[in-house]
Amino acid sequence: MKPILTGYLAKLGLFCLGVMLGWLVLEATSRWLYPTPHGFYHKDPRYNLVFIPNDEGWYSMPPDAPRVWVKINSQGLRDTEHTYTKDPNTYRILVLGDSMAAALEVPLEDSFPKVLETMSNGIGDRKVEVINASAAGRSPSEELRFYECEGYRYNPDLVLLAFFVGNDLRIGVD
């Protein structure tokens, strides 16, 4: 009787081991084929989502879209480094917006704030600096709070609010 029980337990153990190994192979394959997009954000009680300062990594959304290397600067902006003080010969534009303006899906130089900066320089005798202070999930009221708490410190000459009429202008809609 004992050899039958031992053989049964051995077969059951091998079966369980096979199922676990199969599951691990499937899990590893799915993570390799469909990697989880990098988060980049954390919740802020004042203005919803903010980028994690000095964060960087690959972003791809949806998972089968081209991957883009995203780097967040030390001030938590998806942009190059900027100081709060500006050069007197610089015209500074601050862009506030949601995920469309943050543009994680394209390289930084292809985002509209950087394209605006590139196209604006060389037109006049002042340097144009465009600072992208956009982040996903923000509403216009959260952008205003960001400006009141942080954005004004960049001493912008112009503030552009980029918004999507499909969801940023809803009033009284649940």
N, C-alpha and C. Protein backbone atom coordinates (compact mmCIF):
# COMPACT_ATOMS: atom_id res chain seq x y z
N MET A 1 0.82 -1.18 0.00
CA MET A 1 0.00 0.00 0.00
C MET A 1 0.87 1.26 0.00
N LYS A 2 1.94 1.22 0.72
CA LYS A 2 2.80 2.38 0.82
C LYS A 2 3.43 2.76 -0.52
N PRO A 3 3.91 1.80 -1.32
CA PRO A 3 4.49 2.19 -2.61
C PRO A 3 3.48 2.87 -3.53
N ILE A 4 2.21 2.49 -3.49
CA ILE A 4 1.20 3.12 -4.34
C ILE A 4 0.99 4.57 -3.91
N LEU A 5 0.91 4.82 -2.62
CA LEU A 5 0.73 6.17 -2.10
C LEU A 5 1.93 7.03 -2.43
N THR A 6 3.11 6.49 -2.28
CA THR A 6 4.33 7.23 -2.59
C THR A 6 4.37 7.56 -4.07
N GLY A 7 4.03 6.64 -4.95
CA GLY A 7 4.00 6.90 -6.39
C GLY A 7 2.97 7.96 -6.75
N TYR A 8 1.81 7.90 -6.09
CA TYR A 8 0.75 8.88 -6.33
C TYR A 8 1.20 10.27 -5.91
N LEU A 9 1.83 10.40 -4.75
CA LEU A 9 2.31 11.69 -4.27
C LEU A 9 3.43 12.23 -5.16
N ALA A 10 4.28 11.35 -5.64
CA ALA A 10 5.35 11.78 -6.54
C ALA A 10 4.77 12.33 -7.84
N LYS A 11 3.77 11.63 -8.39
CA LYS A 11 3.14 12.10 -9.63
C LYS A 11 2.42 13.43 -9.40
N LEU A 12 1.74 13.56 -8.27
CA LEU A 12 1.05 14.80 -7.94
C LEU A 12 2.05 15.95 -7.79
N GLY A 13 3.17 15.67 -7.14
CA GLY A 13 4.22 16.68 -6.97
C GLY A 13 4.81 17.11 -8.31
N LEU A 14 5.06 16.14 -9.19
CA LEU A 14 5.58 16.46 -10.52
C LEU A 14 4.57 17.26 -11.33
N PHE A 15 3.29 16.89 -11.21
CA PHE A 15 2.24 17.63 -11.91
C PHE A 15 2.20 19.08 -11.43
N CYS A 16 2.21 19.30 -10.13
CA CYS A 16 2.20 20.66 -9.57
C CYS A 16 3.43 21.44 -10.00
N LEU A 17 4.58 20.80 -10.00
CA LEU A 17 5.82 21.44 -10.43
C LEU A 17 5.71 21.84 -11.91
N GLY A 18 5.16 20.97 -12.73
CA GLY A 18 4.97 21.28 -14.15
C GLY A 18 4.04 22.45 -14.37
N VAL A 19 2.94 22.50 -13.61
CA VAL A 19 2.00 23.61 -13.72
C VAL A 19 2.67 24.91 -13.31
N MET A 20 3.43 24.90 -12.21
CA MET A 20 4.12 26.11 -11.76
C MET A 20 5.16 26.57 -12.76
N LEU A 21 5.94 25.66 -13.31
CA LEU A 21 6.94 26.04 -14.31
C LEU A 21 6.28 26.59 -15.57
N GLY A 22 5.18 25.96 -15.99
CA GLY A 22 4.43 26.46 -17.15
C GLY A 22 3.91 27.86 -16.91
N TRP A 23 3.37 28.10 -15.71
CA TRP A 23 2.87 29.42 -15.37
C TRP A 23 4.01 30.44 -15.38
N LEU A 24 5.17 30.11 -14.84
CA LEU A 24 6.31 31.02 -14.82
C LEU A 24 6.77 31.36 -16.24
N VAL A 25 6.79 30.38 -17.13
CA VAL A 25 7.18 30.62 -18.52
C VAL A 25 6.17 31.56 -19.19
N LEU A 26 4.88 31.32 -18.98
CA LEU A 26 3.85 32.19 -19.55
C LEU A 26 3.96 33.61 -18.99
N GLU A 27 4.18 33.74 -17.71
CA GLU A 27 4.31 35.05 -17.08
C GLU A 27 5.52 35.81 -17.63
N ALA A 28 6.66 35.14 -17.70
CA ALA A 28 7.87 35.78 -18.22
C ALA A 28 7.70 36.19 -19.68
N THR A 29 7.07 35.34 -20.46
CA THR A 29 6.84 35.65 -21.88
C THR A 29 5.90 36.84 -22.03
N SER A 30 4.83 36.88 -21.26
CA SER A 30 3.89 38.00 -21.38
C SER A 30 4.53 39.31 -20.91
N ARG A 31 5.36 39.26 -19.89
CA ARG A 31 6.04 40.49 -19.44
C ARG A 31 7.06 40.96 -20.46
N TRP A 32 7.68 40.03 -21.18
CA TRP A 32 8.64 40.40 -22.21
C TRP A 32 7.93 40.97 -23.43
N LEU A 33 6.83 40.35 -23.84
CA LEU A 33 6.09 40.82 -25.01
C LEU A 33 5.25 42.07 -24.73
N TYR A 34 4.70 42.17 -23.54
CA TYR A 34 3.83 43.29 -23.17
C TYR A 34 4.29 43.91 -21.86
N PRO A 35 5.39 44.66 -21.90
CA PRO A 35 5.90 45.23 -20.65
C PRO A 35 4.95 46.27 -20.07
N THR A 36 4.91 46.35 -18.77
CA THR A 36 4.10 47.34 -18.08
C THR A 36 4.72 48.71 -18.31
N PRO A 37 3.92 49.70 -18.73
CA PRO A 37 4.51 51.02 -18.95
C PRO A 37 5.01 51.61 -17.63
N HIS A 38 6.07 52.37 -17.74
CA HIS A 38 6.65 53.03 -16.59
C HIS A 38 5.65 54.06 -16.07
N GLY A 39 5.52 54.19 -14.78
CA GLY A 39 4.52 55.08 -14.19
C GLY A 39 4.85 56.56 -14.29
N PHE A 40 6.03 56.98 -13.88
CA PHE A 40 6.51 58.36 -13.91
C PHE A 40 5.79 59.32 -12.98
N TYR A 41 4.58 58.99 -12.52
CA TYR A 41 3.77 59.93 -11.74
C TYR A 41 3.59 59.49 -10.30
N HIS A 42 3.31 60.46 -9.46
CA HIS A 42 2.76 60.17 -8.14
C HIS A 42 1.65 61.18 -7.87
N LYS A 43 0.79 60.86 -6.95
CA LYS A 43 -0.37 61.70 -6.65
C LYS A 43 0.04 62.87 -5.77
N ASP A 44 -0.47 64.04 -6.09
CA ASP A 44 -0.23 65.24 -5.30
C ASP A 44 -1.60 65.82 -4.92
N PRO A 45 -1.84 66.11 -3.66
CA PRO A 45 -3.18 66.58 -3.24
C PRO A 45 -3.56 67.94 -3.83
N ARG A 46 -2.57 68.73 -4.24
CA ARG A 46 -2.87 70.07 -4.76
C ARG A 46 -3.27 70.06 -6.23
N TYR A 47 -2.50 69.33 -7.04
CA TYR A 47 -2.78 69.36 -8.48
C TYR A 47 -2.69 67.98 -9.12
N ASN A 48 -3.30 67.02 -8.49
CA ASN A 48 -3.50 65.67 -9.01
C ASN A 48 -2.18 64.95 -9.25
N LEU A 49 -1.84 64.68 -10.49
CA LEU A 49 -0.63 63.91 -10.78
C LEU A 49 0.56 64.83 -11.06
N VAL A 50 1.71 64.43 -10.54
CA VAL A 50 2.96 65.15 -10.82
C VAL A 50 4.02 64.12 -11.19
N PHE A 51 4.96 64.53 -12.00
CA PHE A 51 6.05 63.65 -12.36
C PHE A 51 6.99 63.47 -11.18
N ILE A 52 7.63 62.33 -11.12
CA ILE A 52 8.62 62.05 -10.08
C ILE A 52 9.94 62.67 -10.53
N PRO A 53 10.50 63.62 -9.76
CA PRO A 53 11.75 64.28 -10.17
C PRO A 53 12.86 63.27 -10.45
N ASN A 54 13.64 63.54 -11.48
CA ASN A 54 14.80 62.75 -11.90
C ASN A 54 14.45 61.32 -12.31
N ASP A 55 13.20 61.06 -12.60
CA ASP A 55 12.80 59.72 -13.04
C ASP A 55 13.09 59.59 -14.53
N GLU A 56 13.33 58.39 -14.98
CA GLU A 56 13.52 58.15 -16.40
C GLU A 56 13.23 56.69 -16.70
N GLY A 57 12.86 56.43 -17.94
CA GLY A 57 12.57 55.07 -18.35
C GLY A 57 11.84 55.04 -19.67
N TRP A 58 11.53 53.83 -20.10
CA TRP A 58 10.82 53.64 -21.36
C TRP A 58 9.34 53.78 -21.14
N TYR A 59 8.67 54.44 -22.07
CA TYR A 59 7.21 54.60 -22.01
C TYR A 59 6.62 54.07 -23.30
N SER A 60 5.56 53.31 -23.19
CA SER A 60 4.85 52.79 -24.35
C SER A 60 3.39 52.59 -23.97
N MET A 61 2.51 53.35 -24.58
CA MET A 61 1.09 53.23 -24.29
C MET A 61 0.32 53.46 -25.56
N PRO A 62 -0.46 52.55 -26.06
CA PRO A 62 -0.68 51.21 -25.52
C PRO A 62 0.58 50.36 -25.63
N PRO A 63 0.58 49.20 -25.02
CA PRO A 63 1.81 48.40 -24.96
C PRO A 63 2.45 48.08 -26.31
N ASP A 64 1.66 48.03 -27.38
CA ASP A 64 2.24 47.71 -28.69
C ASP A 64 2.70 48.95 -29.45
N ALA A 65 2.58 50.15 -28.84
CA ALA A 65 3.04 51.38 -29.48
C ALA A 65 4.57 51.46 -29.40
N PRO A 66 5.19 52.28 -30.24
CA PRO A 66 6.65 52.45 -30.15
C PRO A 66 7.06 52.94 -28.76
N ARG A 67 8.18 52.44 -28.28
CA ARG A 67 8.68 52.85 -26.97
C ARG A 67 9.45 54.16 -27.10
N VAL A 68 9.28 55.02 -26.11
CA VAL A 68 9.93 56.33 -26.09
C VAL A 68 10.68 56.47 -24.77
N TRP A 69 11.94 56.92 -24.83
CA TRP A 69 12.71 57.17 -23.61
C TRP A 69 12.26 58.50 -23.03
N VAL A 70 11.82 58.48 -21.78
CA VAL A 70 11.31 59.68 -21.11
C VAL A 70 12.21 59.98 -19.93
N LYS A 71 12.60 61.25 -19.81
CA LYS A 71 13.42 61.70 -18.69
C LYS A 71 12.72 62.90 -18.06
N ILE A 72 12.58 62.85 -16.75
CA ILE A 72 11.96 63.93 -15.98
C ILE A 72 13.09 64.72 -15.31
N ASN A 73 13.00 66.05 -15.38
CA ASN A 73 14.08 66.86 -14.80
C ASN A 73 13.99 66.92 -13.27
N SER A 74 14.92 67.61 -12.65
CA SER A 74 15.00 67.65 -11.18
C SER A 74 13.84 68.40 -10.55
N GLN A 75 13.11 69.20 -11.34
CA GLN A 75 11.96 69.95 -10.81
C GLN A 75 10.64 69.23 -11.07
N GLY A 76 10.72 68.01 -11.60
CA GLY A 76 9.52 67.23 -11.84
C GLY A 76 8.78 67.61 -13.11
N LEU A 77 9.49 68.12 -14.10
CA LEU A 77 8.89 68.48 -15.38
C LEU A 77 9.45 67.57 -16.47
N ARG A 78 8.63 67.23 -17.44
CA ARG A 78 9.14 66.48 -18.59
C ARG A 78 9.73 67.51 -19.55
N ASP A 79 10.95 67.90 -19.24
CA ASP A 79 11.61 68.97 -19.97
C ASP A 79 13.09 68.95 -19.61
N THR A 80 13.84 69.82 -20.27
CA THR A 80 15.23 70.01 -19.88
C THR A 80 15.26 70.80 -18.57
N GLU A 81 16.41 70.95 -17.98
CA GLU A 81 16.52 71.70 -16.73
C GLU A 81 16.28 73.20 -16.98
N HIS A 82 15.58 73.83 -16.04
CA HIS A 82 15.33 75.27 -16.11
C HIS A 82 15.55 75.86 -14.73
N THR A 83 16.04 77.09 -14.69
CA THR A 83 16.16 77.81 -13.42
C THR A 83 14.93 78.69 -13.25
N TYR A 84 14.67 79.07 -12.02
CA TYR A 84 13.54 79.97 -11.78
C TYR A 84 13.85 81.37 -12.30
N THR A 85 15.09 81.78 -12.17
CA THR A 85 15.47 83.09 -12.71
C THR A 85 15.76 82.94 -14.19
N LYS A 86 15.40 83.96 -14.94
CA LYS A 86 15.64 83.88 -16.38
C LYS A 86 16.60 84.98 -16.80
N ASP A 87 17.26 84.73 -17.88
CA ASP A 87 18.16 85.70 -18.48
C ASP A 87 17.34 86.90 -18.95
N PRO A 88 17.83 88.12 -18.76
CA PRO A 88 17.04 89.30 -19.17
C PRO A 88 16.74 89.34 -20.67
N ASN A 89 17.54 88.66 -21.46
CA ASN A 89 17.35 88.66 -22.91
C ASN A 89 16.53 87.44 -23.37
N THR A 90 15.73 86.89 -22.47
CA THR A 90 14.95 85.69 -22.76
C THR A 90 13.46 85.98 -22.61
N TYR A 91 12.69 85.51 -23.57
CA TYR A 91 11.24 85.56 -23.50
C TYR A 91 10.80 84.16 -23.10
N ARG A 92 10.16 84.04 -21.94
CA ARG A 92 9.85 82.73 -21.39
C ARG A 92 8.35 82.43 -21.48
N ILE A 93 8.04 81.24 -22.02
CA ILE A 93 6.67 80.76 -22.14
C ILE A 93 6.52 79.53 -21.26
N LEU A 94 5.48 79.52 -20.44
CA LEU A 94 5.17 78.37 -19.58
C LEU A 94 3.94 77.68 -20.15
N VAL A 95 4.06 76.40 -20.46
CA VAL A 95 2.94 75.63 -21.00
C VAL A 95 2.36 74.77 -19.89
N LEU A 96 1.06 74.91 -19.67
CA LEU A 96 0.33 74.10 -18.72
C LEU A 96 -0.67 73.27 -19.51
N GLY A 97 -0.81 71.99 -19.16
CA GLY A 97 -1.75 71.15 -19.88
C GLY A 97 -1.80 69.76 -19.28
N ASP A 98 -2.54 68.89 -19.96
CA ASP A 98 -2.68 67.51 -19.48
C ASP A 98 -1.79 66.58 -20.29
N SER A 99 -2.20 65.34 -20.44
CA SER A 99 -1.35 64.33 -21.10
C SER A 99 -1.02 64.69 -22.55
N MET A 100 -1.91 65.40 -23.23
CA MET A 100 -1.62 65.75 -24.62
C MET A 100 -0.43 66.68 -24.71
N ALA A 101 -0.31 67.62 -23.79
CA ALA A 101 0.83 68.54 -23.80
C ALA A 101 2.07 67.89 -23.19
N ALA A 102 1.88 66.98 -22.23
CA ALA A 102 3.04 66.28 -21.66
C ALA A 102 3.70 65.40 -22.72
N ALA A 103 2.89 64.82 -23.59
CA ALA A 103 3.34 64.12 -24.79
C ALA A 103 4.39 63.03 -24.53
N LEU A 104 4.07 62.13 -23.61
CA LEU A 104 5.01 61.04 -23.32
C LEU A 104 5.17 60.09 -24.50
N GLU A 105 4.23 60.12 -25.43
CA GLU A 105 4.25 59.18 -26.55
C GLU A 105 5.26 59.54 -27.63
N VAL A 106 5.85 60.73 -27.55
CA VAL A 106 6.83 61.16 -28.56
C VAL A 106 8.12 61.60 -27.87
N PRO A 107 9.24 61.57 -28.60
CA PRO A 107 10.48 62.10 -28.01
C PRO A 107 10.30 63.56 -27.62
N LEU A 108 11.02 64.00 -26.61
CA LEU A 108 10.88 65.36 -26.08
C LEU A 108 10.96 66.41 -27.18
N GLU A 109 11.91 66.28 -28.08
CA GLU A 109 12.10 67.30 -29.13
C GLU A 109 10.92 67.35 -30.11
N ASP A 110 10.06 66.33 -30.12
CA ASP A 110 8.89 66.32 -30.99
C ASP A 110 7.61 66.78 -30.28
N SER A 111 7.69 67.06 -28.97
CA SER A 111 6.52 67.55 -28.24
C SER A 111 6.25 68.99 -28.68
N PHE A 112 4.99 69.40 -28.65
CA PHE A 112 4.68 70.72 -29.18
C PHE A 112 5.37 71.87 -28.44
N PRO A 113 5.60 71.79 -27.11
CA PRO A 113 6.34 72.90 -26.49
C PRO A 113 7.77 73.04 -27.03
N LYS A 114 8.45 71.92 -27.30
CA LYS A 114 9.81 72.01 -27.83
C LYS A 114 9.81 72.43 -29.30
N VAL A 115 8.80 72.00 -30.04
CA VAL A 115 8.68 72.45 -31.44
C VAL A 115 8.43 73.96 -31.46
N LEU A 116 7.55 74.44 -30.57
CA LEU A 116 7.29 75.87 -30.45
C LEU A 116 8.57 76.63 -30.13
N GLU A 117 9.35 76.11 -29.20
CA GLU A 117 10.61 76.75 -28.83
C GLU A 117 11.57 76.81 -30.02
N THR A 118 11.72 75.70 -30.72
CA THR A 118 12.63 75.64 -31.86
C THR A 118 12.19 76.60 -32.96
N MET A 119 10.89 76.63 -33.25
CA MET A 119 10.39 77.49 -34.32
C MET A 119 10.43 78.97 -33.94
N SER A 120 10.32 79.28 -32.64
CA SER A 120 10.29 80.67 -32.20
C SER A 120 11.67 81.30 -32.12
N ASN A 121 12.68 80.51 -31.87
CA ASN A 121 14.03 81.06 -31.78
C ASN A 121 14.52 81.44 -33.16
N GLY A 122 15.19 82.57 -33.24
CA GLY A 122 15.70 83.06 -34.52
C GLY A 122 14.76 84.05 -35.18
N ILE A 123 13.54 84.20 -34.65
CA ILE A 123 12.59 85.15 -35.25
C ILE A 123 12.92 86.57 -34.80
N GLY A 124 13.10 86.75 -33.51
CA GLY A 124 13.41 88.07 -32.97
C GLY A 124 14.83 88.10 -32.43
N ASP A 125 15.14 89.14 -31.68
CA ASP A 125 16.48 89.24 -31.11
C ASP A 125 16.57 88.67 -29.70
N ARG A 126 15.44 88.24 -29.13
CA ARG A 126 15.45 87.61 -27.81
C ARG A 126 15.35 86.10 -27.95
N LYS A 127 16.01 85.40 -27.05
CA LYS A 127 15.90 83.95 -27.00
C LYS A 127 14.52 83.59 -26.45
N VAL A 128 13.90 82.57 -27.02
CA VAL A 128 12.61 82.09 -26.53
C VAL A 128 12.84 80.77 -25.82
N GLU A 129 12.35 80.70 -24.59
CA GLU A 129 12.47 79.48 -23.78
C GLU A 129 11.06 79.02 -23.43
N VAL A 130 10.73 77.78 -23.81
CA VAL A 130 9.42 77.23 -23.52
C VAL A 130 9.57 76.14 -22.47
N ILE A 131 8.87 76.29 -21.37
CA ILE A 131 8.94 75.33 -20.26
C ILE A 131 7.64 74.54 -20.25
N ASN A 132 7.75 73.22 -20.35
CA ASN A 132 6.58 72.36 -20.36
C ASN A 132 6.28 71.88 -18.93
N ALA A 133 5.24 72.44 -18.32
CA ALA A 133 4.84 72.06 -16.97
C ALA A 133 3.55 71.25 -16.99
N SER A 134 3.35 70.48 -18.05
CA SER A 134 2.14 69.68 -18.22
C SER A 134 2.28 68.31 -17.58
N ALA A 135 1.17 67.73 -17.19
CA ALA A 135 1.16 66.37 -16.64
C ALA A 135 -0.22 65.75 -16.89
N ALA A 136 -0.25 64.46 -17.06
CA ALA A 136 -1.50 63.74 -17.35
C ALA A 136 -2.50 63.89 -16.22
N GLY A 137 -3.76 63.87 -16.60
CA GLY A 137 -4.83 63.83 -15.61
C GLY A 137 -5.17 65.14 -14.96
N ARG A 138 -4.58 66.22 -15.38
CA ARG A 138 -4.87 67.51 -14.74
C ARG A 138 -6.02 68.22 -15.44
N SER A 139 -6.83 68.88 -14.63
CA SER A 139 -7.91 69.71 -15.13
C SER A 139 -7.42 71.15 -15.18
N PRO A 140 -8.12 72.05 -15.87
CA PRO A 140 -7.70 73.46 -15.88
C PRO A 140 -7.61 74.07 -14.47
N SER A 141 -8.49 73.68 -13.56
CA SER A 141 -8.39 74.23 -12.20
C SER A 141 -7.13 73.73 -11.48
N GLU A 142 -6.72 72.48 -11.76
CA GLU A 142 -5.48 71.97 -11.17
C GLU A 142 -4.26 72.63 -11.81
N GLU A 143 -4.36 72.98 -13.08
CA GLU A 143 -3.29 73.72 -13.73
C GLU A 143 -3.14 75.12 -13.11
N LEU A 144 -4.27 75.75 -12.81
CA LEU A 144 -4.23 77.06 -12.14
C LEU A 144 -3.56 76.94 -10.78
N ARG A 145 -3.91 75.90 -10.03
CA ARG A 145 -3.26 75.70 -8.73
C ARG A 145 -1.76 75.47 -8.88
N PHE A 146 -1.37 74.70 -9.91
CA PHE A 146 0.05 74.48 -10.16
C PHE A 146 0.74 75.83 -10.43
N TYR A 147 0.11 76.66 -11.25
CA TYR A 147 0.70 77.97 -11.55
C TYR A 147 0.84 78.81 -10.27
N GLU A 148 -0.20 78.82 -9.45
CA GLU A 148 -0.18 79.62 -8.23
C GLU A 148 0.85 79.13 -7.22
N CYS A 149 1.10 77.82 -7.18
CA CYS A 149 2.05 77.26 -6.22
C CYS A 149 3.48 77.19 -6.75
N GLU A 150 3.63 76.90 -8.03
CA GLU A 150 4.95 76.61 -8.57
C GLU A 150 5.27 77.36 -9.86
N GLY A 151 4.33 77.40 -10.79
CA GLY A 151 4.60 77.92 -12.13
C GLY A 151 5.05 79.36 -12.18
N TYR A 152 4.48 80.22 -11.33
CA TYR A 152 4.85 81.64 -11.33
C TYR A 152 6.34 81.84 -11.02
N ARG A 153 6.94 80.87 -10.32
CA ARG A 153 8.35 81.00 -9.92
C ARG A 153 9.29 81.01 -11.12
N TYR A 154 8.81 80.52 -12.28
CA TYR A 154 9.64 80.53 -13.50
C TYR A 154 9.63 81.89 -14.18
N ASN A 155 8.88 82.85 -13.66
CA ASN A 155 8.79 84.21 -14.22
C ASN A 155 8.44 84.20 -15.71
N PRO A 156 7.34 83.54 -16.08
CA PRO A 156 7.00 83.49 -17.51
C PRO A 156 6.48 84.83 -18.02
N ASP A 157 6.80 85.12 -19.27
CA ASP A 157 6.23 86.29 -19.94
C ASP A 157 4.86 85.95 -20.52
N LEU A 158 4.64 84.67 -20.80
CA LEU A 158 3.39 84.20 -21.37
C LEU A 158 3.08 82.82 -20.80
N VAL A 159 1.83 82.58 -20.46
CA VAL A 159 1.39 81.26 -20.00
C VAL A 159 0.40 80.73 -21.02
N LEU A 160 0.69 79.55 -21.56
CA LEU A 160 -0.22 78.89 -22.49
C LEU A 160 -0.92 77.75 -21.76
N LEU A 161 -2.23 77.73 -21.82
CA LEU A 161 -3.00 76.62 -21.26
C LEU A 161 -3.47 75.76 -22.42
N ALA A 162 -2.93 74.57 -22.51
CA ALA A 162 -3.33 73.63 -23.55
C ALA A 162 -4.43 72.75 -22.97
N PHE A 163 -5.58 72.73 -23.61
CA PHE A 163 -6.66 71.91 -23.09
C PHE A 163 -7.37 71.20 -24.23
N PHE A 164 -8.07 70.13 -23.88
CA PHE A 164 -8.81 69.32 -24.83
C PHE A 164 -10.29 69.58 -24.61
N VAL A 165 -10.98 70.08 -25.63
CA VAL A 165 -12.39 70.44 -25.46
C VAL A 165 -13.26 69.21 -25.20
N GLY A 166 -12.75 68.03 -25.48
CA GLY A 166 -13.51 66.80 -25.25
C GLY A 166 -13.70 66.47 -23.79
N ASN A 167 -12.80 66.94 -22.90
CA ASN A 167 -12.99 66.61 -21.49
C ASN A 167 -12.59 67.73 -20.53
N ASP A 168 -11.94 68.78 -20.98
CA ASP A 168 -11.50 69.83 -20.07
C ASP A 168 -12.53 70.95 -19.89
N LEU A 169 -13.56 70.98 -20.72
CA LEU A 169 -14.54 72.04 -20.62
C LEU A 169 -15.89 71.56 -20.08
N ARG A 170 -15.91 70.37 -19.52
CA ARG A 170 -17.16 69.85 -18.96
C ARG A 170 -17.53 70.62 -17.69
N ILE A 171 -18.73 71.11 -17.67
CA ILE A 171 -19.22 71.84 -16.51
C ILE A 171 -20.51 71.19 -16.04
N GLY A 172 -20.55 70.76 -14.81
CA GLY A 172 -21.74 70.16 -14.24
C GLY A 172 -22.06 68.78 -14.80
N VAL A 173 -21.08 68.08 -15.32
CA VAL A 173 -21.30 66.74 -15.87
C VAL A 173 -20.72 65.74 -14.89
N ASP A 174 -21.48 64.74 -14.54
CA ASP A 174 -20.98 63.70 -13.61
C ASP A 174 -20.11 62.72 -14.33
